[in-house]
Amino acid sequence: MTRAIAIATGTNYRDVYQTLGKSANKTVRNGVCSSVADDYLRANQWHRRSGDDQAFDAESLPRGVVIVHLEKRDSRRGGHFSCLIDHQIHDTWNPMDDGDYVVVNHWTYAGAPTESTLPAIGPQRQQDSEQVLTQNEFEKILRRLRALDTTASNHASTEGEKRNALRMMQSLMLRHNLSREDITEDDNIESVSYTRMACPVNGRRACGWEKSLAAYVTEEIFPMVQWYYGRKQNRTLFWFYGPVDDVQNCLLLFRELLLTIATAAHLQYGGHSRGSGASYAEGYVRGMPQQVTQTPNTMAEDQAFSQSALIHARTLAVQQAAVDWLKLECGIALVMSRGSGRDQHDPDAANRGKRHGSKHDLSTVNGRKRLGHS
């Protein structure tokens, strides 16, 4: 909601966040009633029109800047707000990929010319370009402030470094209307931006090895990312959700490995979805190296355990926050299901795939674990 309104109106993200929170008398992070956004937009000369619960289609909405309130077709809990500019969706994900969203209402700026094809932004107070923040820019400022705060409180810093850090902190906090509470780290969970992205594969049924691969990539390489799958017409969609950067990299790696394994199975067995080809692909995924944490010789065992516990705790916190985001923003509550086994398993093909999969080499590139084929 906050993101959509900030983008559509061109207003400082933090200002929208605080105003909505004050109106709702609660934090916006956990969601607020749509009537709060309704009152905010009406007060700023935006006009609401009913969407008549029509299926969400960006092309069917007016050109210019539009804020659209979406809800799941068979549910009236929660909902999601997106901003469209000339039919282009400006959001962390595309609700049209889901196919189950309907338009409850949409808002347009009342001062926009009726025949204009240009984006219409609501009236703004006088401000310089540095005051207009997107969510990502807002989070960059928070990270900068936290770095300055660390320098100012570090005993190893010189007096001059501490003074400079405090002066820069004060300037940034005054310019962007922030307080000490806003830059409190709290493991940075509250400032994490989440998204979900889909990787489509052919067929109405997901192969067992494709599921195993999704589990491998998320558990071994990108532990803060989670996944689920579903069907849309004649295709299966593997959805990955979590922190934005991790999801984007996870999706790229998943696609790369899908192509690698499927191609190898096709070349050797003529396919990857059944019979020996599927057995080979399953063995390939099982043979891929597992992540092993090694304790450096210079690090005490209890210190290494403590750091590992902190990392694990943060990962669990981010995962739970992503689950909450998925339910609140996307209206999706996941349930566990168990599929049946597959016939015609070929142990020889599976063992061959396992040997080939073991040739993948886990390496660290810029601090991020990636897979390289050898």
Foldseek 3Di string as FASTA:
>chain_A
DLQQLCVQQLAASVVSQVQLCVVQVHGPLLHGDVVSVVVVQVVQQKDKDFQVQAFDALVVDDAAKKWWWKDFSPDDPFTAIWIDHRSRTDDLDDLVVVRGITTGMMIDHNPDDPPDNGHDHTDDDDDDPVQRDRLVRVVVLLVLLLVLVCLLPDPPHDPVSNVVSVVVNVVSCVSHVHDPVVNDCPVVLSSFDKHKDKDKDFAQDDAPLLVLLLVCLCVAFNVLKDWDWHDDVGIIIIMIMFGSVSNVVSVVQSVVVVVVLQVVLCVPPNGCRDALNVLLSNLLSVLADGDDDDDDPVDDPVRVVVVVVVVVVSSVSRNVSRQSCCCNHVVDHDDDDDDDDGPNRDVVSSNVSSVQNNQWDWDADPNGTDIDHD
